[in-house]
Amino acid sequence: MSTINLSYKIEGFLKIYDPNNGEIFVDKKNAINYENFSDALALTLSDRGYGQIYQMAFGNGGATVDNTGVIIYLPPNTTGITASLYNQTYAKVVDDNSSFNLDPTRNKMSVFHTAGSVYSDILVQCLLDYGEPSGQAAFDNSTQTDGEYVFDELGLLANYGVEDNGTVITRLLTHVIFHPVQKSLNRQIQIDYTVRIQSITNMITI
């Protein structure tokens, strides 16, 4: 007699770069909020109408730089359904099926799967264009590391429905902390965020 133990591994890979010259600012893995992610998977698989990746959120509360230039990183927030970025300052809709996405050709999701493999990738792409966010500095030469748009944390948010006032309810699925990266008027920033969902099956003979 054989039994099958089926489990899943979820990984995230983040790349932030300048799409014009290819300069890479951040290239690292993220952390997963497994409670929210498992709930979101169950909601989407059961066709509840929500639970899907909806926004990419940016913040400036994940790291500090001391007076000697040493960067101190806080741990990612990945516990509990109310987990959030330390200090979210901006967000963009990346669900290209949403009517709230103003540029679905450049802020979108794609799914990749190779027949015979046991994993699938969701590529979440987001472009911070020259003119966004509103109120950013003109040049990327700030000496302040805690500016509103000097980002050092990023996360993917799931759609959990809409409140009566039309506000979309979200929950944090992933969180990554990195060294400060300034968004300014003189440059675009491209974010490619790959979420890999892999099944791990163990056949046990009894």
N, C-alpha and C. Protein backbone atom coordinates (compact mmCIF):
# COMPACT_ATOMS: atom_id res chain seq x y z
N MET A 1 0.85 -1.19 0.00
CA MET A 1 0.00 0.00 0.00
C MET A 1 0.89 1.24 0.00
N SER A 2 0.50 2.24 -0.76
CA SER A 2 1.27 3.48 -0.84
C SER A 2 0.41 4.68 -0.46
N THR A 3 1.01 5.59 0.22
CA THR A 3 0.33 6.86 0.51
C THR A 3 1.19 7.99 -0.05
N ILE A 4 0.56 9.09 -0.38
CA ILE A 4 1.27 10.24 -0.94
C ILE A 4 1.12 11.43 -0.01
N ASN A 5 2.23 11.94 0.44
CA ASN A 5 2.23 13.17 1.21
C ASN A 5 2.55 14.32 0.26
N LEU A 6 1.62 15.23 0.10
CA LEU A 6 1.80 16.33 -0.84
C LEU A 6 1.93 17.64 -0.08
N SER A 7 3.02 18.34 -0.31
CA SER A 7 3.21 19.64 0.32
C SER A 7 3.68 20.63 -0.73
N TYR A 8 3.64 21.91 -0.38
CA TYR A 8 4.00 22.95 -1.33
C TYR A 8 5.06 23.87 -0.74
N LYS A 9 5.95 24.29 -1.60
CA LYS A 9 6.99 25.24 -1.24
C LYS A 9 6.77 26.51 -2.06
N ILE A 10 6.80 27.64 -1.41
CA ILE A 10 6.59 28.92 -2.09
C ILE A 10 7.83 29.77 -1.89
N GLU A 11 8.36 30.28 -2.99
CA GLU A 11 9.53 31.15 -2.94
C GLU A 11 9.26 32.42 -3.75
N GLY A 12 9.92 33.49 -3.35
CA GLY A 12 9.81 34.74 -4.09
C GLY A 12 11.18 35.29 -4.43
N PHE A 13 11.31 35.83 -5.63
CA PHE A 13 12.57 36.39 -6.10
C PHE A 13 12.30 37.80 -6.63
N LEU A 14 13.02 38.76 -6.08
CA LEU A 14 12.78 40.16 -6.40
C LEU A 14 13.97 40.76 -7.13
N LYS A 15 13.67 41.46 -8.23
CA LYS A 15 14.71 42.19 -8.96
C LYS A 15 14.19 43.59 -9.24
N ILE A 16 14.95 44.59 -8.79
CA ILE A 16 14.61 45.99 -9.03
C ILE A 16 15.75 46.59 -9.85
N TYR A 17 15.40 47.23 -10.97
CA TYR A 17 16.46 47.71 -11.85
C TYR A 17 15.97 48.89 -12.70
N ASP A 18 16.92 49.57 -13.34
CA ASP A 18 16.63 50.65 -14.27
C ASP A 18 16.42 50.02 -15.65
N PRO A 19 15.22 50.12 -16.24
CA PRO A 19 14.98 49.45 -17.52
C PRO A 19 15.71 50.10 -18.69
N ASN A 20 16.27 51.28 -18.49
CA ASN A 20 16.94 51.99 -19.58
C ASN A 20 18.42 51.61 -19.72
N ASN A 21 19.09 51.45 -18.57
CA ASN A 21 20.52 51.11 -18.64
C ASN A 21 20.85 49.75 -18.03
N GLY A 22 19.84 49.08 -17.47
CA GLY A 22 20.05 47.74 -16.91
C GLY A 22 20.67 47.71 -15.53
N GLU A 23 20.90 48.87 -14.91
CA GLU A 23 21.51 48.90 -13.57
C GLU A 23 20.59 48.20 -12.57
N ILE A 24 21.14 47.23 -11.85
CA ILE A 24 20.37 46.48 -10.87
C ILE A 24 20.55 47.09 -9.49
N PHE A 25 19.44 47.43 -8.85
CA PHE A 25 19.47 48.01 -7.51
C PHE A 25 19.30 46.95 -6.43
N VAL A 26 18.42 45.99 -6.68
CA VAL A 26 18.14 44.94 -5.69
C VAL A 26 17.93 43.63 -6.45
N ASP A 27 18.51 42.54 -5.91
CA ASP A 27 18.31 41.20 -6.48
C ASP A 27 18.39 40.21 -5.31
N LYS A 28 17.23 39.80 -4.78
CA LYS A 28 17.25 38.95 -3.60
C LYS A 28 15.93 38.21 -3.44
N LYS A 29 15.91 37.26 -2.51
CA LYS A 29 14.70 36.53 -2.18
C LYS A 29 13.87 37.32 -1.18
N ASN A 30 12.59 36.93 -1.07
CA ASN A 30 11.71 37.56 -0.10
C ASN A 30 11.27 36.57 0.97
N ALA A 31 10.43 37.05 1.87
CA ALA A 31 9.83 36.21 2.90
C ALA A 31 8.33 36.08 2.62
N ILE A 32 7.74 34.97 3.03
CA ILE A 32 6.34 34.65 2.74
C ILE A 32 5.51 34.68 4.02
N ASN A 33 4.34 35.28 3.94
CA ASN A 33 3.36 35.15 5.01
C ASN A 33 2.52 33.91 4.68
N TYR A 34 2.87 32.78 5.26
CA TYR A 34 2.26 31.51 4.87
C TYR A 34 0.79 31.43 5.25
N GLU A 35 0.40 32.08 6.34
CA GLU A 35 -1.02 32.05 6.71
C GLU A 35 -1.86 32.74 5.64
N ASN A 36 -1.48 33.97 5.28
CA ASN A 36 -2.24 34.70 4.27
C ASN A 36 -2.14 34.04 2.90
N PHE A 37 -0.96 33.49 2.57
CA PHE A 37 -0.79 32.88 1.26
C PHE A 37 -1.65 31.62 1.13
N SER A 38 -1.68 30.80 2.17
CA SER A 38 -2.48 29.57 2.10
C SER A 38 -3.96 29.90 1.99
N ASP A 39 -4.39 30.93 2.71
CA ASP A 39 -5.79 31.36 2.65
C ASP A 39 -6.13 31.89 1.26
N ALA A 40 -5.21 32.68 0.69
CA ALA A 40 -5.43 33.24 -0.65
C ALA A 40 -5.51 32.14 -1.70
N LEU A 41 -4.65 31.12 -1.59
CA LEU A 41 -4.69 30.00 -2.53
C LEU A 41 -6.03 29.27 -2.45
N ALA A 42 -6.51 29.04 -1.23
CA ALA A 42 -7.78 28.34 -1.06
C ALA A 42 -8.94 29.16 -1.63
N LEU A 43 -8.90 30.46 -1.44
CA LEU A 43 -9.97 31.33 -1.95
C LEU A 43 -9.99 31.36 -3.47
N THR A 44 -8.81 31.45 -4.09
CA THR A 44 -8.77 31.50 -5.55
C THR A 44 -9.14 30.15 -6.16
N LEU A 45 -8.67 29.04 -5.56
CA LEU A 45 -8.98 27.71 -6.10
C LEU A 45 -10.46 27.38 -5.96
N SER A 46 -11.12 27.94 -4.95
CA SER A 46 -12.55 27.69 -4.75
C SER A 46 -13.42 28.74 -5.44
N ASP A 47 -12.79 29.62 -6.23
CA ASP A 47 -13.50 30.61 -7.04
C ASP A 47 -14.40 31.51 -6.19
N ARG A 48 -13.81 32.07 -5.12
CA ARG A 48 -14.58 32.97 -4.27
C ARG A 48 -14.64 34.40 -4.82
N GLY A 49 -13.85 34.66 -5.87
CA GLY A 49 -13.88 36.00 -6.47
C GLY A 49 -12.83 36.94 -5.92
N TYR A 50 -12.02 36.48 -4.98
CA TYR A 50 -10.94 37.29 -4.44
C TYR A 50 -9.87 36.38 -3.87
N GLY A 51 -8.77 36.98 -3.40
CA GLY A 51 -7.61 36.21 -2.94
C GLY A 51 -6.43 36.34 -3.88
N GLN A 52 -6.66 36.91 -5.06
CA GLN A 52 -5.60 37.04 -6.06
C GLN A 52 -4.63 38.18 -5.72
N ILE A 53 -3.40 38.09 -6.23
CA ILE A 53 -2.44 39.17 -6.09
C ILE A 53 -3.03 40.42 -6.74
N TYR A 54 -2.99 41.53 -6.02
CA TYR A 54 -3.67 42.75 -6.48
C TYR A 54 -2.74 43.95 -6.60
N GLN A 55 -1.93 44.19 -5.58
CA GLN A 55 -1.08 45.37 -5.54
C GLN A 55 0.36 45.01 -5.20
N MET A 56 1.26 45.88 -5.64
CA MET A 56 2.63 45.87 -5.15
C MET A 56 2.78 47.12 -4.29
N ALA A 57 3.19 46.93 -3.04
CA ALA A 57 3.28 48.03 -2.09
C ALA A 57 4.73 48.35 -1.76
N PHE A 58 5.01 49.64 -1.57
CA PHE A 58 6.36 50.12 -1.29
C PHE A 58 6.36 50.91 0.01
N GLY A 59 7.48 50.81 0.76
CA GLY A 59 7.57 51.54 2.00
C GLY A 59 8.99 51.95 2.32
N ASN A 60 9.13 52.72 3.39
CA ASN A 60 10.45 53.23 3.78
C ASN A 60 10.79 52.94 5.24
N GLY A 61 10.15 51.91 5.81
CA GLY A 61 10.38 51.64 7.23
C GLY A 61 11.14 50.37 7.52
N GLY A 62 11.73 49.74 6.49
CA GLY A 62 12.36 48.44 6.70
C GLY A 62 13.81 48.48 7.12
N ALA A 63 14.49 49.62 6.89
CA ALA A 63 15.92 49.69 7.19
C ALA A 63 16.28 51.10 7.64
N THR A 64 17.32 51.18 8.43
CA THR A 64 17.87 52.47 8.85
C THR A 64 19.37 52.47 8.62
N VAL A 65 19.91 53.66 8.43
CA VAL A 65 21.35 53.80 8.21
C VAL A 65 21.90 54.65 9.35
N ASP A 66 22.89 54.09 10.10
CA ASP A 66 23.43 54.85 11.22
C ASP A 66 24.46 55.86 10.72
N ASN A 67 25.02 56.63 11.65
CA ASN A 67 25.91 57.73 11.27
C ASN A 67 27.26 57.27 10.73
N THR A 68 27.51 55.96 10.77
CA THR A 68 28.74 55.43 10.17
C THR A 68 28.48 54.81 8.80
N GLY A 69 27.21 54.84 8.37
CA GLY A 69 26.85 54.28 7.07
C GLY A 69 26.43 52.83 7.10
N VAL A 70 26.36 52.24 8.28
CA VAL A 70 25.96 50.84 8.41
C VAL A 70 24.43 50.74 8.31
N ILE A 71 23.95 49.83 7.46
CA ILE A 71 22.52 49.64 7.28
C ILE A 71 22.01 48.59 8.27
N ILE A 72 20.98 48.93 9.00
CA ILE A 72 20.37 48.02 9.97
C ILE A 72 19.00 47.62 9.42
N TYR A 73 18.82 46.30 9.18
CA TYR A 73 17.60 45.80 8.58
C TYR A 73 16.66 45.23 9.63
N LEU A 74 15.39 45.58 9.55
CA LEU A 74 14.38 44.97 10.40
C LEU A 74 13.96 43.63 9.80
N PRO A 75 13.44 42.72 10.60
CA PRO A 75 12.97 41.43 10.05
C PRO A 75 11.68 41.63 9.27
N PRO A 76 11.45 40.83 8.22
CA PRO A 76 10.19 40.95 7.46
C PRO A 76 8.98 40.65 8.34
N ASN A 77 7.87 41.31 8.04
CA ASN A 77 6.61 41.04 8.75
C ASN A 77 5.87 39.94 8.02
N THR A 78 5.87 38.74 8.58
CA THR A 78 5.25 37.60 7.90
C THR A 78 4.37 36.76 8.81
N THR A 79 3.96 37.32 9.94
CA THR A 79 3.15 36.57 10.89
C THR A 79 1.80 37.24 11.10
N GLY A 80 0.72 36.47 10.93
CA GLY A 80 -0.62 36.97 11.21
C GLY A 80 -1.30 37.60 10.01
N ILE A 81 -2.63 37.57 10.03
CA ILE A 81 -3.40 38.09 8.89
C ILE A 81 -3.32 39.61 8.79
N THR A 82 -2.95 40.28 9.87
CA THR A 82 -2.89 41.74 9.85
C THR A 82 -1.48 42.26 9.58
N ALA A 83 -0.55 41.39 9.23
CA ALA A 83 0.82 41.83 8.94
C ALA A 83 0.81 42.87 7.82
N SER A 84 1.76 43.81 7.88
CA SER A 84 1.81 44.87 6.89
C SER A 84 3.25 45.35 6.75
N LEU A 85 3.49 46.20 5.75
CA LEU A 85 4.77 46.86 5.67
C LEU A 85 4.96 47.73 6.91
N TYR A 86 6.21 48.01 7.25
CA TYR A 86 6.46 48.85 8.42
C TYR A 86 5.92 50.26 8.21
N ASN A 87 6.11 50.79 7.01
CA ASN A 87 5.59 52.13 6.71
C ASN A 87 5.34 52.24 5.20
N GLN A 88 4.16 51.81 4.80
CA GLN A 88 3.81 51.86 3.37
C GLN A 88 3.60 53.30 2.93
N THR A 89 4.26 53.68 1.83
CA THR A 89 4.13 55.05 1.32
C THR A 89 3.58 55.11 -0.10
N TYR A 90 3.50 53.97 -0.76
CA TYR A 90 3.02 53.97 -2.14
C TYR A 90 2.59 52.55 -2.51
N ALA A 91 1.68 52.44 -3.48
CA ALA A 91 1.25 51.13 -3.97
C ALA A 91 0.73 51.29 -5.39
N LYS A 92 0.89 50.23 -6.20
CA LYS A 92 0.36 50.21 -7.56
C LYS A 92 -0.40 48.91 -7.79
N VAL A 93 -1.50 49.01 -8.51
CA VAL A 93 -2.27 47.82 -8.87
C VAL A 93 -1.52 47.07 -9.97
N VAL A 94 -1.28 45.79 -9.75
CA VAL A 94 -0.58 44.95 -10.73
C VAL A 94 -1.47 43.85 -11.29
N ASP A 95 -2.71 43.78 -10.81
CA ASP A 95 -3.68 42.84 -11.37
C ASP A 95 -4.17 43.42 -12.69
N ASP A 96 -3.73 42.83 -13.82
CA ASP A 96 -4.08 43.40 -15.12
C ASP A 96 -5.51 43.11 -15.53
N ASN A 97 -6.26 42.36 -14.70
CA ASN A 97 -7.69 42.18 -14.95
C ASN A 97 -8.55 43.18 -14.18
N SER A 98 -7.91 44.00 -13.36
CA SER A 98 -8.65 44.95 -12.53
C SER A 98 -8.90 46.25 -13.27
N SER A 99 -10.10 46.79 -13.10
CA SER A 99 -10.43 48.09 -13.71
C SER A 99 -9.67 49.23 -13.05
N PHE A 100 -9.07 48.97 -11.89
CA PHE A 100 -8.30 50.00 -11.19
C PHE A 100 -6.86 50.07 -11.69
N ASN A 101 -6.46 49.14 -12.55
CA ASN A 101 -5.11 49.16 -13.12
C ASN A 101 -5.10 50.12 -14.30
N LEU A 102 -4.37 51.23 -14.18
CA LEU A 102 -4.36 52.27 -15.19
C LEU A 102 -3.38 52.00 -16.32
N ASP A 103 -2.51 51.02 -16.17
CA ASP A 103 -1.52 50.71 -17.21
C ASP A 103 -1.24 49.20 -17.19
N PRO A 104 -2.23 48.40 -17.63
CA PRO A 104 -2.09 46.94 -17.52
C PRO A 104 -1.07 46.32 -18.47
N THR A 105 -0.55 47.07 -19.41
CA THR A 105 0.48 46.52 -20.30
C THR A 105 1.86 46.53 -19.64
N ARG A 106 2.03 47.40 -18.63
CA ARG A 106 3.34 47.47 -17.96
C ARG A 106 3.27 47.10 -16.48
N ASN A 107 2.08 47.00 -15.94
CA ASN A 107 1.87 46.56 -14.56
C ASN A 107 0.93 45.36 -14.64
N LYS A 108 1.52 44.15 -14.56
CA LYS A 108 0.76 42.96 -14.93
C LYS A 108 1.34 41.71 -14.29
N MET A 109 0.62 40.60 -14.50
CA MET A 109 1.08 39.29 -14.05
C MET A 109 1.06 38.31 -15.22
N SER A 110 2.02 37.40 -15.21
CA SER A 110 2.09 36.33 -16.20
C SER A 110 2.38 35.03 -15.47
N VAL A 111 1.82 33.93 -15.98
CA VAL A 111 2.05 32.61 -15.37
C VAL A 111 2.86 31.76 -16.34
N PHE A 112 3.90 31.12 -15.80
CA PHE A 112 4.77 30.27 -16.61
C PHE A 112 4.82 28.86 -16.02
N HIS A 113 4.61 27.89 -16.87
CA HIS A 113 4.69 26.49 -16.44
C HIS A 113 5.23 25.65 -17.59
N THR A 114 6.16 24.77 -17.29
CA THR A 114 6.71 23.84 -18.27
C THR A 114 6.11 22.46 -18.03
N ALA A 115 5.54 21.86 -19.08
CA ALA A 115 4.92 20.55 -18.95
C ALA A 115 5.90 19.54 -18.36
N GLY A 116 5.43 18.80 -17.36
CA GLY A 116 6.26 17.80 -16.71
C GLY A 116 6.96 18.28 -15.46
N SER A 117 7.01 19.59 -15.25
CA SER A 117 7.65 20.14 -14.05
C SER A 117 6.64 20.21 -12.92
N VAL A 118 7.13 20.36 -11.69
CA VAL A 118 6.24 20.38 -10.52
C VAL A 118 6.17 21.77 -9.90
N TYR A 119 6.48 22.78 -10.69
CA TYR A 119 6.36 24.15 -10.19
C TYR A 119 5.82 25.06 -11.28
N SER A 120 5.23 26.16 -10.84
CA SER A 120 4.76 27.21 -11.74
C SER A 120 5.20 28.54 -11.18
N ASP A 121 5.50 29.47 -12.07
CA ASP A 121 5.95 30.80 -11.68
C ASP A 121 4.90 31.85 -12.02
N ILE A 122 4.69 32.76 -11.09
CA ILE A 122 3.91 33.96 -11.35
C ILE A 122 4.89 35.12 -11.43
N LEU A 123 5.00 35.75 -12.58
CA LEU A 123 5.86 36.92 -12.74
C LEU A 123 5.01 38.17 -12.60
N VAL A 124 5.27 38.93 -11.54
CA VAL A 124 4.56 40.18 -11.29
C VAL A 124 5.48 41.32 -11.70
N GLN A 125 5.03 42.12 -12.67
CA GLN A 125 5.86 43.21 -13.18
C GLN A 125 5.21 44.56 -12.88
N CYS A 126 6.04 45.48 -12.43
CA CYS A 126 5.55 46.81 -12.07
C CYS A 126 6.57 47.84 -12.51
N LEU A 127 6.11 48.90 -13.16
CA LEU A 127 6.98 49.99 -13.59
C LEU A 127 6.62 51.27 -12.85
N LEU A 128 7.61 51.83 -12.16
CA LEU A 128 7.45 53.17 -11.59
C LEU A 128 7.98 54.14 -12.63
N ASP A 129 7.08 54.84 -13.29
CA ASP A 129 7.46 55.71 -14.41
C ASP A 129 8.07 57.01 -13.90
N TYR A 130 8.55 57.82 -14.85
CA TYR A 130 9.24 59.06 -14.48
C TYR A 130 8.38 59.94 -13.57
N GLY A 131 7.09 60.07 -13.88
CA GLY A 131 6.26 61.02 -13.16
C GLY A 131 5.59 60.50 -11.92
N GLU A 132 5.96 59.32 -11.47
CA GLU A 132 5.32 58.76 -10.27
C GLU A 132 6.37 58.22 -9.29
N PRO A 133 6.06 58.32 -8.02
CA PRO A 133 4.87 58.88 -7.38
C PRO A 133 4.85 60.41 -7.42
N SER A 134 3.69 60.98 -7.27
CA SER A 134 3.56 62.43 -7.20
C SER A 134 4.26 62.95 -5.95
N GLY A 135 5.05 64.01 -6.12
CA GLY A 135 5.75 64.60 -4.98
C GLY A 135 7.16 64.09 -4.78
N GLN A 136 7.66 63.26 -5.69
CA GLN A 136 9.02 62.74 -5.56
C GLN A 136 10.05 63.82 -5.86
N ALA A 137 11.28 63.58 -5.44
CA ALA A 137 12.38 64.51 -5.70
C ALA A 137 12.74 64.49 -7.19
N ALA A 138 13.38 65.57 -7.65
CA ALA A 138 13.73 65.69 -9.06
C ALA A 138 14.88 64.77 -9.46
N PHE A 139 15.85 64.57 -8.55
CA PHE A 139 17.03 63.77 -8.88
C PHE A 139 17.30 62.74 -7.79
N ASP A 140 17.99 61.66 -8.19
CA ASP A 140 18.27 60.56 -7.26
C ASP A 140 19.57 60.80 -6.52
N ASN A 141 19.68 61.96 -5.87
CA ASN A 141 20.90 62.32 -5.16
C ASN A 141 20.63 62.69 -3.70
N SER A 142 19.54 62.19 -3.17
CA SER A 142 19.17 62.52 -1.80
C SER A 142 20.19 61.96 -0.81
N THR A 143 20.52 62.78 0.18
CA THR A 143 21.40 62.32 1.27
C THR A 143 20.57 61.75 2.43
N GLN A 144 19.25 61.84 2.33
CA GLN A 144 18.37 61.32 3.36
C GLN A 144 17.92 59.92 2.97
N THR A 145 18.02 59.00 3.90
CA THR A 145 17.63 57.62 3.62
C THR A 145 16.22 57.28 4.11
N ASP A 146 15.54 58.27 4.69
CA ASP A 146 14.20 58.01 5.23
C ASP A 146 13.15 58.84 4.50
N GLY A 147 13.46 59.30 3.29
CA GLY A 147 12.48 60.04 2.51
C GLY A 147 11.28 59.19 2.16
N GLU A 148 10.17 59.84 1.86
CA GLU A 148 8.92 59.13 1.60
C GLU A 148 9.05 58.13 0.46
N TYR A 149 9.84 58.49 -0.56
CA TYR A 149 10.00 57.61 -1.71
C TYR A 149 11.42 57.08 -1.86
N VAL A 150 12.10 56.97 -0.73
CA VAL A 150 13.36 56.23 -0.67
C VAL A 150 12.98 54.86 -0.10
N PHE A 151 12.71 53.94 -1.00
CA PHE A 151 12.12 52.66 -0.61
C PHE A 151 13.16 51.69 -0.07
N ASP A 152 12.78 50.96 1.00
CA ASP A 152 13.63 49.89 1.53
C ASP A 152 12.81 48.66 1.92
N GLU A 153 11.55 48.63 1.52
CA GLU A 153 10.70 47.46 1.75
C GLU A 153 9.64 47.41 0.67
N LEU A 154 9.20 46.18 0.39
CA LEU A 154 8.25 45.97 -0.69
C LEU A 154 7.46 44.70 -0.39
N GLY A 155 6.22 44.67 -0.82
CA GLY A 155 5.40 43.49 -0.59
C GLY A 155 4.32 43.33 -1.64
N LEU A 156 3.82 42.11 -1.78
CA LEU A 156 2.68 41.83 -2.64
C LEU A 156 1.45 41.72 -1.76
N LEU A 157 0.35 42.36 -2.20
CA LEU A 157 -0.89 42.37 -1.45
C LEU A 157 -1.97 41.63 -2.22
N ALA A 158 -2.78 40.85 -1.52
CA ALA A 158 -3.89 40.13 -2.13
C ALA A 158 -5.18 40.92 -1.97
N ASN A 159 -6.07 40.77 -2.93
CA ASN A 159 -7.39 41.39 -2.90
C ASN A 159 -8.31 40.54 -2.04
N TYR A 160 -8.91 41.15 -1.01
CA TYR A 160 -9.83 40.44 -0.12
C TYR A 160 -11.22 41.06 -0.13
N GLY A 161 -11.60 41.61 -1.27
CA GLY A 161 -12.93 42.18 -1.37
C GLY A 161 -12.93 43.70 -1.30
N VAL A 162 -14.13 44.27 -1.33
CA VAL A 162 -14.29 45.72 -1.37
C VAL A 162 -15.21 46.18 -0.25
N GLU A 163 -14.80 47.23 0.45
CA GLU A 163 -15.64 47.81 1.50
C GLU A 163 -16.79 48.60 0.86
N ASP A 164 -17.75 49.01 1.69
CA ASP A 164 -18.92 49.73 1.19
C ASP A 164 -18.54 51.04 0.50
N ASN A 165 -17.42 51.64 0.93
CA ASN A 165 -17.00 52.91 0.33
C ASN A 165 -16.16 52.72 -0.94
N GLY A 166 -16.01 51.47 -1.37
CA GLY A 166 -15.27 51.19 -2.59
C GLY A 166 -13.80 50.89 -2.39
N THR A 167 -13.31 50.97 -1.15
CA THR A 167 -11.91 50.69 -0.86
C THR A 167 -11.64 49.19 -0.93
N VAL A 168 -10.59 48.81 -1.64
CA VAL A 168 -10.23 47.40 -1.75
C VAL A 168 -9.53 46.95 -0.47
N ILE A 169 -9.99 45.86 0.10
CA ILE A 169 -9.37 45.27 1.28
C ILE A 169 -8.20 44.41 0.84
N THR A 170 -7.04 44.57 1.47
CA THR A 170 -5.86 43.80 1.07
C THR A 170 -5.22 43.13 2.27
N ARG A 171 -4.45 42.08 1.97
CA ARG A 171 -3.63 41.40 2.98
C ARG A 171 -2.24 41.15 2.40
N LEU A 172 -1.25 41.22 3.27
CA LEU A 172 0.13 41.06 2.85
C LEU A 172 0.47 39.59 2.63
N LEU A 173 0.97 39.27 1.43
CA LEU A 173 1.38 37.91 1.09
C LEU A 173 2.88 37.71 1.24
N THR A 174 3.66 38.71 0.84
CA THR A 174 5.11 38.61 0.87
C THR A 174 5.70 39.92 1.38
N HIS A 175 6.94 39.84 1.86
CA HIS A 175 7.61 41.05 2.37
C HIS A 175 9.11 40.87 2.18
N VAL A 176 9.74 41.89 1.65
CA VAL A 176 11.19 41.86 1.47
C VAL A 176 11.76 43.20 1.91
N ILE A 177 12.88 43.13 2.63
CA ILE A 177 13.60 44.31 3.13
C ILE A 177 14.91 44.42 2.37
N PHE A 178 15.30 45.64 1.97
CA PHE A 178 16.52 45.82 1.20
C PHE A 178 17.12 47.19 1.49
N HIS A 179 18.32 47.43 0.96
CA HIS A 179 18.97 48.73 1.17
C HIS A 179 18.16 49.82 0.47
N PRO A 180 18.20 51.05 0.96
CA PRO A 180 17.37 52.12 0.41
C PRO A 180 17.63 52.38 -1.07
N VAL A 181 16.52 52.52 -1.82
CA VAL A 181 16.56 52.84 -3.25
C VAL A 181 15.63 54.03 -3.48
N GLN A 182 16.17 55.11 -4.01
CA GLN A 182 15.36 56.31 -4.21
C GLN A 182 14.66 56.31 -5.56
N LYS A 183 13.36 56.61 -5.53
CA LYS A 183 12.62 56.85 -6.77
C LYS A 183 12.52 58.36 -6.98
N SER A 184 12.97 58.83 -8.13
CA SER A 184 12.99 60.26 -8.43
C SER A 184 12.53 60.50 -9.86
N LEU A 185 12.29 61.75 -10.19
CA LEU A 185 11.75 62.11 -11.50
C LEU A 185 12.66 61.75 -12.67
N ASN A 186 13.96 61.67 -12.41
CA ASN A 186 14.90 61.49 -13.51
C ASN A 186 15.12 60.04 -13.92
N ARG A 187 14.39 59.10 -13.31
CA ARG A 187 14.59 57.72 -13.72
C ARG A 187 13.34 56.87 -13.51
N GLN A 188 13.24 55.85 -14.34
CA GLN A 188 12.23 54.81 -14.17
C GLN A 188 12.82 53.69 -13.31
N ILE A 189 11.93 52.98 -12.63
CA ILE A 189 12.35 51.80 -11.89
C ILE A 189 11.41 50.66 -12.25
N GLN A 190 12.01 49.55 -12.66
CA GLN A 190 11.25 48.35 -13.03
C GLN A 190 11.41 47.31 -11.93
N ILE A 191 10.29 46.70 -11.55
CA ILE A 191 10.32 45.62 -10.56
C ILE A 191 9.79 44.35 -11.21
N ASP A 192 10.60 43.30 -11.21
CA ASP A 192 10.19 41.97 -11.64
C ASP A 192 10.18 41.08 -10.41
N TYR A 193 9.02 40.60 -10.05
CA TYR A 193 8.83 39.84 -8.80
C TYR A 193 8.28 38.47 -9.17
N THR A 194 9.10 37.45 -9.02
CA THR A 194 8.70 36.09 -9.37
C THR A 194 8.29 35.32 -8.11
N VAL A 195 7.08 34.79 -8.13
CA VAL A 195 6.60 33.92 -7.05
C VAL A 195 6.52 32.51 -7.61
N ARG A 196 7.28 31.60 -7.03
CA ARG A 196 7.33 30.21 -7.49
C ARG A 196 6.56 29.32 -6.52
N ILE A 197 5.59 28.59 -7.05
CA ILE A 197 4.80 27.63 -6.27
C ILE A 197 5.19 26.24 -6.73
N GLN A 198 5.79 25.47 -5.81
CA GLN A 198 6.33 24.16 -6.16
C GLN A 198 5.73 23.08 -5.29
N SER A 199 5.26 22.00 -5.90
CA SER A 199 4.74 20.87 -5.13
C SER A 199 5.88 19.91 -4.82
N ILE A 200 5.86 19.41 -3.61
CA ILE A 200 6.88 18.45 -3.15
C ILE A 200 6.14 17.19 -2.72
N THR A 201 6.27 16.15 -3.50
CA THR A 201 5.53 14.91 -3.26
C THR A 201 6.47 13.79 -2.80
N ASN A 202 6.11 13.15 -1.72
CA ASN A 202 6.89 12.02 -1.21
C ASN A 202 6.01 10.76 -1.25
N MET A 203 6.46 9.76 -1.99
CA MET A 203 5.75 8.48 -2.05
C MET A 203 6.28 7.56 -0.94
N ILE A 204 5.39 7.16 -0.06
CA ILE A 204 5.76 6.30 1.06
C ILE A 204 5.09 4.95 0.90
N THR A 205 5.87 3.89 0.85
CA THR A 205 5.32 2.55 0.69
C THR A 205 5.12 1.91 2.07
N ILE A 206 3.93 1.40 2.29
CA ILE A 206 3.61 0.77 3.58
C ILE A 206 3.32 -0.71 3.35
